[in-house]
Amino acid sequence: MALFSIHKPDQGYWTRVLSAAAVGTIVLSGVGWAWDKMDVIEQDTIYWQTGMAIAVILFFGGLLFMVLNRPRIVDFMIATEAEMKKVHWPNRKELIGSTLVVIWGTFIMALFLWLINMAFAALFLQAGVLRATGN
């Protein structure tokens, strides 16, 4: 029974669940891709596809269970969850204000770079490095 026991089961729950969900999404995407690629098999395609899907999901599920129960990884997950609880998450007003600062800052930077680009284009046209194209 020790083979299937969970190391420190009462700690790091959310980091384990979300890590497993992320890896599971990637594995299921790969299974879906492989499922489509196996259409070239002439006979019993559905059986081969189903067998492959079950085998891959079981293999990676077992591998994920083993990896997420290694003591070093579990301790890292527990520490990560503890650090995430210390993070100051912004309220709605702070989030909107920060988003507007980023949008306006990006717009101003884009305008500045466009002006620099126009200045260099004019300089290179005068120097003969660039040729003007007529529209």
N, C-alpha and C. Protein backbone atom coordinates (compact mmCIF):
# COMPACT_ATOMS: atom_id res chain seq x y z
N MET A 1 0.82 -1.21 0.00
CA MET A 1 0.00 0.00 0.00
C MET A 1 0.85 1.26 0.00
N ALA A 2 2.10 1.16 0.46
CA ALA A 2 2.98 2.32 0.50
C ALA A 2 3.29 2.84 -0.90
N LEU A 3 3.15 1.98 -1.91
CA LEU A 3 3.42 2.38 -3.29
C LEU A 3 2.46 3.47 -3.74
N PHE A 4 1.21 3.40 -3.31
CA PHE A 4 0.20 4.36 -3.75
C PHE A 4 -0.15 5.40 -2.70
N SER A 5 0.69 5.54 -1.68
CA SER A 5 0.42 6.55 -0.67
C SER A 5 0.89 7.92 -1.15
N ILE A 6 0.24 8.95 -0.64
CA ILE A 6 0.57 10.31 -1.03
C ILE A 6 1.45 10.92 0.05
N HIS A 7 2.60 11.47 -0.37
CA HIS A 7 3.54 12.08 0.55
C HIS A 7 2.97 13.42 1.03
N LYS A 8 2.85 13.61 2.32
CA LYS A 8 2.29 14.83 2.94
C LYS A 8 0.97 15.22 2.28
N PRO A 9 -0.06 14.38 2.40
CA PRO A 9 -1.30 14.62 1.67
C PRO A 9 -2.07 15.87 2.08
N ASP A 10 -1.83 16.37 3.29
CA ASP A 10 -2.60 17.52 3.76
C ASP A 10 -1.93 18.85 3.43
N GLN A 11 -0.85 18.84 2.65
CA GLN A 11 -0.13 20.07 2.31
C GLN A 11 0.09 20.15 0.80
N GLY A 12 0.11 21.36 0.27
CA GLY A 12 0.39 21.57 -1.14
C GLY A 12 -0.68 21.04 -2.08
N TYR A 13 -1.92 21.02 -1.62
CA TYR A 13 -3.00 20.42 -2.40
C TYR A 13 -3.20 21.14 -3.73
N TRP A 14 -3.36 22.47 -3.69
CA TRP A 14 -3.71 23.21 -4.90
C TRP A 14 -2.58 23.22 -5.92
N THR A 15 -1.34 23.30 -5.48
CA THR A 15 -0.24 23.26 -6.45
C THR A 15 -0.15 21.90 -7.12
N ARG A 16 -0.43 20.85 -6.39
CA ARG A 16 -0.43 19.51 -7.00
C ARG A 16 -1.58 19.36 -7.99
N VAL A 17 -2.77 19.80 -7.58
CA VAL A 17 -3.94 19.66 -8.45
C VAL A 17 -3.76 20.47 -9.73
N LEU A 18 -3.31 21.70 -9.60
CA LEU A 18 -3.16 22.54 -10.79
C LEU A 18 -2.01 22.07 -11.68
N SER A 19 -0.94 21.56 -11.07
CA SER A 19 0.16 20.98 -11.88
C SER A 19 -0.32 19.76 -12.62
N ALA A 20 -1.07 18.91 -11.95
CA ALA A 20 -1.61 17.71 -12.60
C ALA A 20 -2.58 18.09 -13.71
N ALA A 21 -3.39 19.13 -13.49
CA ALA A 21 -4.33 19.56 -14.53
C ALA A 21 -3.59 20.09 -15.75
N ALA A 22 -2.52 20.83 -15.53
CA ALA A 22 -1.74 21.36 -16.65
C ALA A 22 -1.09 20.24 -17.45
N VAL A 23 -0.45 19.30 -16.76
CA VAL A 23 0.18 18.18 -17.45
C VAL A 23 -0.88 17.31 -18.12
N GLY A 24 -2.01 17.11 -17.45
CA GLY A 24 -3.10 16.33 -18.05
C GLY A 24 -3.62 16.96 -19.32
N THR A 25 -3.72 18.28 -19.36
CA THR A 25 -4.15 18.97 -20.56
C THR A 25 -3.18 18.74 -21.71
N ILE A 26 -1.90 18.81 -21.40
CA ILE A 26 -0.88 18.58 -22.44
C ILE A 26 -0.95 17.13 -22.93
N VAL A 27 -1.08 16.18 -22.02
CA VAL A 27 -1.14 14.77 -22.41
C VAL A 27 -2.39 14.52 -23.25
N LEU A 28 -3.53 15.04 -22.84
CA LEU A 28 -4.76 14.84 -23.62
C LEU A 28 -4.68 15.50 -24.99
N SER A 29 -4.00 16.63 -25.08
CA SER A 29 -3.79 17.25 -26.38
C SER A 29 -2.94 16.36 -27.27
N GLY A 30 -1.90 15.79 -26.70
CA GLY A 30 -1.06 14.86 -27.46
C GLY A 30 -1.82 13.62 -27.89
N VAL A 31 -2.68 13.10 -27.02
CA VAL A 31 -3.49 11.93 -27.36
C VAL A 31 -4.44 12.28 -28.51
N GLY A 32 -5.04 13.46 -28.45
CA GLY A 32 -5.93 13.88 -29.53
C GLY A 32 -5.20 14.02 -30.85
N TRP A 33 -3.98 14.56 -30.81
CA TRP A 33 -3.17 14.68 -32.01
C TRP A 33 -2.83 13.30 -32.57
N ALA A 34 -2.39 12.39 -31.70
CA ALA A 34 -2.02 11.04 -32.14
C ALA A 34 -3.25 10.29 -32.66
N TRP A 35 -4.41 10.53 -32.04
CA TRP A 35 -5.66 9.89 -32.48
C TRP A 35 -5.92 10.23 -33.95
N ASP A 36 -5.77 11.51 -34.29
CA ASP A 36 -6.00 11.93 -35.68
C ASP A 36 -4.96 11.35 -36.64
N LYS A 37 -3.73 11.23 -36.18
CA LYS A 37 -2.66 10.70 -37.04
C LYS A 37 -2.80 9.21 -37.29
N MET A 38 -3.55 8.50 -36.46
CA MET A 38 -3.69 7.06 -36.61
C MET A 38 -4.81 6.67 -37.58
N ASP A 39 -5.38 7.63 -38.27
CA ASP A 39 -6.43 7.32 -39.24
C ASP A 39 -5.90 6.56 -40.46
N VAL A 40 -4.59 6.48 -40.61
CA VAL A 40 -4.01 5.81 -41.77
C VAL A 40 -4.06 4.28 -41.65
N ILE A 41 -4.33 3.79 -40.44
CA ILE A 41 -4.42 2.34 -40.24
C ILE A 41 -5.68 1.84 -40.94
N GLU A 42 -5.53 0.80 -41.72
CA GLU A 42 -6.63 0.31 -42.55
C GLU A 42 -7.71 -0.42 -41.75
N GLN A 43 -7.32 -1.36 -40.90
CA GLN A 43 -8.31 -2.18 -40.21
C GLN A 43 -8.33 -1.87 -38.72
N ASP A 44 -9.49 -1.95 -38.14
CA ASP A 44 -9.68 -1.79 -36.69
C ASP A 44 -9.07 -0.50 -36.16
N THR A 45 -9.23 0.58 -36.88
CA THR A 45 -8.64 1.87 -36.49
C THR A 45 -9.09 2.29 -35.11
N ILE A 46 -10.37 2.19 -34.84
CA ILE A 46 -10.90 2.65 -33.56
C ILE A 46 -10.31 1.88 -32.39
N TYR A 47 -10.02 0.60 -32.59
CA TYR A 47 -9.43 -0.19 -31.50
C TYR A 47 -7.99 0.23 -31.23
N TRP A 48 -7.23 0.46 -32.30
CA TRP A 48 -5.85 0.91 -32.13
C TRP A 48 -5.82 2.30 -31.49
N GLN A 49 -6.69 3.18 -31.94
CA GLN A 49 -6.74 4.53 -31.38
C GLN A 49 -7.10 4.49 -29.90
N THR A 50 -8.10 3.70 -29.56
CA THR A 50 -8.54 3.61 -28.17
C THR A 50 -7.45 2.99 -27.30
N GLY A 51 -6.83 1.93 -27.79
CA GLY A 51 -5.75 1.30 -27.04
C GLY A 51 -4.58 2.24 -26.81
N MET A 52 -4.21 2.98 -27.85
CA MET A 52 -3.13 3.95 -27.72
C MET A 52 -3.51 5.02 -26.70
N ALA A 53 -4.72 5.53 -26.78
CA ALA A 53 -5.15 6.60 -25.88
C ALA A 53 -5.12 6.10 -24.42
N ILE A 54 -5.65 4.92 -24.18
CA ILE A 54 -5.67 4.38 -22.82
C ILE A 54 -4.25 4.15 -22.31
N ALA A 55 -3.40 3.57 -23.15
CA ALA A 55 -2.02 3.29 -22.74
C ALA A 55 -1.26 4.56 -22.42
N VAL A 56 -1.38 5.58 -23.27
CA VAL A 56 -0.66 6.84 -23.04
C VAL A 56 -1.18 7.53 -21.78
N ILE A 57 -2.49 7.57 -21.60
CA ILE A 57 -3.06 8.23 -20.43
C ILE A 57 -2.65 7.50 -19.15
N LEU A 58 -2.69 6.17 -19.16
CA LEU A 58 -2.28 5.41 -17.97
C LEU A 58 -0.79 5.59 -17.69
N PHE A 59 0.04 5.56 -18.74
CA PHE A 59 1.48 5.72 -18.55
C PHE A 59 1.80 7.08 -17.94
N PHE A 60 1.30 8.14 -18.57
CA PHE A 60 1.62 9.48 -18.07
C PHE A 60 0.92 9.78 -16.75
N GLY A 61 -0.25 9.18 -16.51
CA GLY A 61 -0.90 9.34 -15.21
C GLY A 61 -0.07 8.73 -14.10
N GLY A 62 0.44 7.52 -14.33
CA GLY A 62 1.32 6.88 -13.34
C GLY A 62 2.61 7.63 -13.15
N LEU A 63 3.20 8.09 -14.26
CA LEU A 63 4.44 8.88 -14.17
C LEU A 63 4.21 10.17 -13.39
N LEU A 64 3.10 10.84 -13.67
CA LEU A 64 2.78 12.07 -12.96
C LEU A 64 2.56 11.81 -11.48
N PHE A 65 1.87 10.72 -11.16
CA PHE A 65 1.66 10.38 -9.75
C PHE A 65 2.99 10.16 -9.04
N MET A 66 3.90 9.43 -9.69
CA MET A 66 5.21 9.17 -9.08
C MET A 66 6.01 10.46 -8.91
N VAL A 67 6.00 11.31 -9.93
CA VAL A 67 6.79 12.54 -9.87
C VAL A 67 6.24 13.50 -8.82
N LEU A 68 4.91 13.63 -8.77
CA LEU A 68 4.32 14.58 -7.82
C LEU A 68 4.32 14.06 -6.39
N ASN A 69 4.81 12.85 -6.16
CA ASN A 69 4.92 12.32 -4.80
C ASN A 69 6.36 12.16 -4.34
N ARG A 70 7.30 12.64 -5.12
CA ARG A 70 8.70 12.61 -4.69
C ARG A 70 8.87 13.66 -3.59
N PRO A 71 9.55 13.34 -2.51
CA PRO A 71 9.65 14.26 -1.37
C PRO A 71 10.20 15.65 -1.73
N ARG A 72 11.23 15.72 -2.58
CA ARG A 72 11.77 17.03 -2.93
C ARG A 72 10.77 17.86 -3.71
N ILE A 73 10.06 17.22 -4.61
CA ILE A 73 9.07 17.95 -5.41
C ILE A 73 7.89 18.35 -4.54
N VAL A 74 7.46 17.47 -3.64
CA VAL A 74 6.35 17.80 -2.74
C VAL A 74 6.74 18.98 -1.85
N ASP A 75 7.95 18.98 -1.33
CA ASP A 75 8.39 20.10 -0.49
C ASP A 75 8.43 21.40 -1.30
N PHE A 76 8.85 21.32 -2.56
CA PHE A 76 8.85 22.50 -3.42
C PHE A 76 7.43 23.01 -3.64
N MET A 77 6.49 22.09 -3.88
CA MET A 77 5.09 22.47 -4.09
C MET A 77 4.50 23.12 -2.84
N ILE A 78 4.83 22.56 -1.68
CA ILE A 78 4.35 23.12 -0.42
C ILE A 78 4.90 24.52 -0.23
N ALA A 79 6.19 24.70 -0.50
CA ALA A 79 6.81 26.02 -0.36
C ALA A 79 6.22 27.01 -1.36
N THR A 80 5.93 26.55 -2.57
CA THR A 80 5.32 27.41 -3.58
C THR A 80 3.94 27.88 -3.14
N GLU A 81 3.15 26.95 -2.61
CA GLU A 81 1.81 27.33 -2.15
C GLU A 81 1.89 28.32 -1.00
N ALA A 82 2.85 28.12 -0.10
CA ALA A 82 3.02 29.05 1.03
C ALA A 82 3.41 30.44 0.53
N GLU A 83 4.28 30.51 -0.46
CA GLU A 83 4.68 31.81 -1.01
C GLU A 83 3.52 32.49 -1.73
N MET A 84 2.70 31.71 -2.43
CA MET A 84 1.56 32.30 -3.14
C MET A 84 0.54 32.89 -2.17
N LYS A 85 0.48 32.36 -0.97
CA LYS A 85 -0.44 32.92 0.03
C LYS A 85 0.06 34.27 0.55
N LYS A 86 1.35 34.55 0.39
CA LYS A 86 1.92 35.82 0.84
C LYS A 86 1.79 36.93 -0.21
N VAL A 87 1.42 36.57 -1.43
CA VAL A 87 1.35 37.54 -2.52
C VAL A 87 0.20 38.51 -2.27
N HIS A 88 0.46 39.79 -2.53
CA HIS A 88 -0.60 40.79 -2.45
C HIS A 88 -1.29 40.83 -3.81
N TRP A 89 -2.52 40.37 -3.86
CA TRP A 89 -3.26 40.37 -5.11
C TRP A 89 -4.03 41.69 -5.20
N PRO A 90 -3.96 42.39 -6.33
CA PRO A 90 -4.60 43.70 -6.43
C PRO A 90 -6.12 43.59 -6.45
N ASN A 91 -6.75 44.66 -5.93
CA ASN A 91 -8.21 44.71 -6.03
C ASN A 91 -8.57 45.24 -7.42
N ARG A 92 -9.85 45.36 -7.69
CA ARG A 92 -10.31 45.76 -9.02
C ARG A 92 -9.78 47.13 -9.43
N LYS A 93 -9.82 48.09 -8.52
CA LYS A 93 -9.38 49.44 -8.83
C LYS A 93 -7.89 49.46 -9.17
N GLU A 94 -7.08 48.78 -8.37
CA GLU A 94 -5.64 48.72 -8.63
C GLU A 94 -5.35 48.03 -9.97
N LEU A 95 -6.10 46.98 -10.25
CA LEU A 95 -5.89 46.24 -11.49
C LEU A 95 -6.22 47.10 -12.71
N ILE A 96 -7.32 47.83 -12.66
CA ILE A 96 -7.70 48.70 -13.78
C ILE A 96 -6.68 49.81 -13.94
N GLY A 97 -6.24 50.41 -12.84
CA GLY A 97 -5.24 51.47 -12.91
C GLY A 97 -3.93 50.97 -13.49
N SER A 98 -3.47 49.82 -13.06
CA SER A 98 -2.22 49.26 -13.57
C SER A 98 -2.34 48.91 -15.05
N THR A 99 -3.49 48.38 -15.45
CA THR A 99 -3.70 48.03 -16.85
C THR A 99 -3.68 49.27 -17.72
N LEU A 100 -4.32 50.35 -17.26
CA LEU A 100 -4.31 51.59 -18.04
C LEU A 100 -2.89 52.16 -18.16
N VAL A 101 -2.11 52.06 -17.10
CA VAL A 101 -0.72 52.53 -17.16
C VAL A 101 0.05 51.75 -18.20
N VAL A 102 -0.13 50.44 -18.24
CA VAL A 102 0.58 49.60 -19.21
C VAL A 102 0.12 49.93 -20.63
N ILE A 103 -1.17 50.10 -20.84
CA ILE A 103 -1.68 50.40 -22.18
C ILE A 103 -1.16 51.74 -22.66
N TRP A 104 -1.27 52.77 -21.82
CA TRP A 104 -0.78 54.10 -22.21
C TRP A 104 0.73 54.11 -22.37
N GLY A 105 1.43 53.43 -21.51
CA GLY A 105 2.90 53.36 -21.65
C GLY A 105 3.30 52.69 -22.96
N THR A 106 2.58 51.64 -23.33
CA THR A 106 2.87 50.95 -24.59
C THR A 106 2.56 51.86 -25.77
N PHE A 107 1.45 52.57 -25.70
CA PHE A 107 1.08 53.49 -26.78
C PHE A 107 2.12 54.59 -26.93
N ILE A 108 2.57 55.18 -25.83
CA ILE A 108 3.57 56.25 -25.88
C ILE A 108 4.90 55.72 -26.41
N MET A 109 5.29 54.52 -25.98
CA MET A 109 6.54 53.92 -26.48
C MET A 109 6.44 53.65 -27.98
N ALA A 110 5.29 53.15 -28.44
CA ALA A 110 5.10 52.89 -29.87
C ALA A 110 5.17 54.18 -30.67
N LEU A 111 4.55 55.24 -30.16
CA LEU A 111 4.60 56.54 -30.83
C LEU A 111 6.04 57.06 -30.89
N PHE A 112 6.76 56.93 -29.80
CA PHE A 112 8.16 57.37 -29.74
C PHE A 112 9.01 56.59 -30.76
N LEU A 113 8.84 55.27 -30.80
CA LEU A 113 9.62 54.47 -31.73
C LEU A 113 9.23 54.76 -33.19
N TRP A 114 7.95 55.06 -33.44
CA TRP A 114 7.52 55.43 -34.78
C TRP A 114 8.18 56.74 -35.21
N LEU A 115 8.25 57.70 -34.30
CA LEU A 115 8.91 58.97 -34.61
C LEU A 115 10.40 58.77 -34.88
N ILE A 116 11.05 57.96 -34.08
CA ILE A 116 12.47 57.66 -34.31
C ILE A 116 12.65 56.98 -35.67
N ASN A 117 11.76 56.05 -36.01
CA ASN A 117 11.81 55.37 -37.29
C ASN A 117 11.66 56.35 -38.45
N MET A 118 10.72 57.28 -38.33
CA MET A 118 10.53 58.29 -39.37
C MET A 118 11.76 59.19 -39.51
N ALA A 119 12.36 59.54 -38.39
CA ALA A 119 13.56 60.39 -38.42
C ALA A 119 14.71 59.65 -39.11
N PHE A 120 14.92 58.38 -38.77
CA PHE A 120 15.98 57.62 -39.41
C PHE A 120 15.68 57.41 -40.90
N ALA A 121 14.43 57.18 -41.25
CA ALA A 121 14.06 57.02 -42.65
C ALA A 121 14.37 58.29 -43.44
N ALA A 122 14.02 59.44 -42.87
CA ALA A 122 14.31 60.71 -43.54
C ALA A 122 15.81 60.91 -43.67
N LEU A 123 16.56 60.58 -42.62
CA LEU A 123 18.02 60.72 -42.65
C LEU A 123 18.62 59.81 -43.72
N PHE A 124 18.16 58.57 -43.79
CA PHE A 124 18.71 57.63 -44.77
C PHE A 124 18.29 57.97 -46.20
N LEU A 125 17.09 58.58 -46.36
CA LEU A 125 16.69 59.05 -47.67
C LEU A 125 17.59 60.19 -48.14
N GLN A 126 17.90 61.11 -47.25
CA GLN A 126 18.79 62.23 -47.58
C GLN A 126 20.20 61.76 -47.88
N ALA A 127 20.64 60.71 -47.17
CA ALA A 127 21.99 60.19 -47.36
C ALA A 127 22.08 59.29 -48.59
N GLY A 128 20.94 58.90 -49.16
CA GLY A 128 20.95 58.06 -50.36
C GLY A 128 21.02 56.56 -50.04
N VAL A 129 20.89 56.20 -48.81
CA VAL A 129 20.92 54.79 -48.43
C VAL A 129 19.60 54.11 -48.81
N LEU A 130 18.50 54.84 -48.67
CA LEU A 130 17.18 54.33 -49.03
C LEU A 130 16.68 55.03 -50.28
N ARG A 131 15.84 54.36 -51.05
CA ARG A 131 15.20 54.97 -52.20
C ARG A 131 13.72 55.12 -51.90
N ALA A 132 13.15 56.23 -52.27
CA ALA A 132 11.73 56.46 -52.08
C ALA A 132 10.94 55.67 -53.11
N THR A 133 9.90 55.01 -52.65
CA THR A 133 9.05 54.29 -53.59
C THR A 133 7.80 55.10 -53.82
N GLY A 134 7.40 55.23 -55.04
CA GLY A 134 6.20 56.00 -55.38
C GLY A 134 4.97 55.13 -55.35
N ASN A 135 3.90 55.66 -54.78
CA ASN A 135 2.63 54.91 -54.73
C ASN A 135 1.68 55.47 -55.74
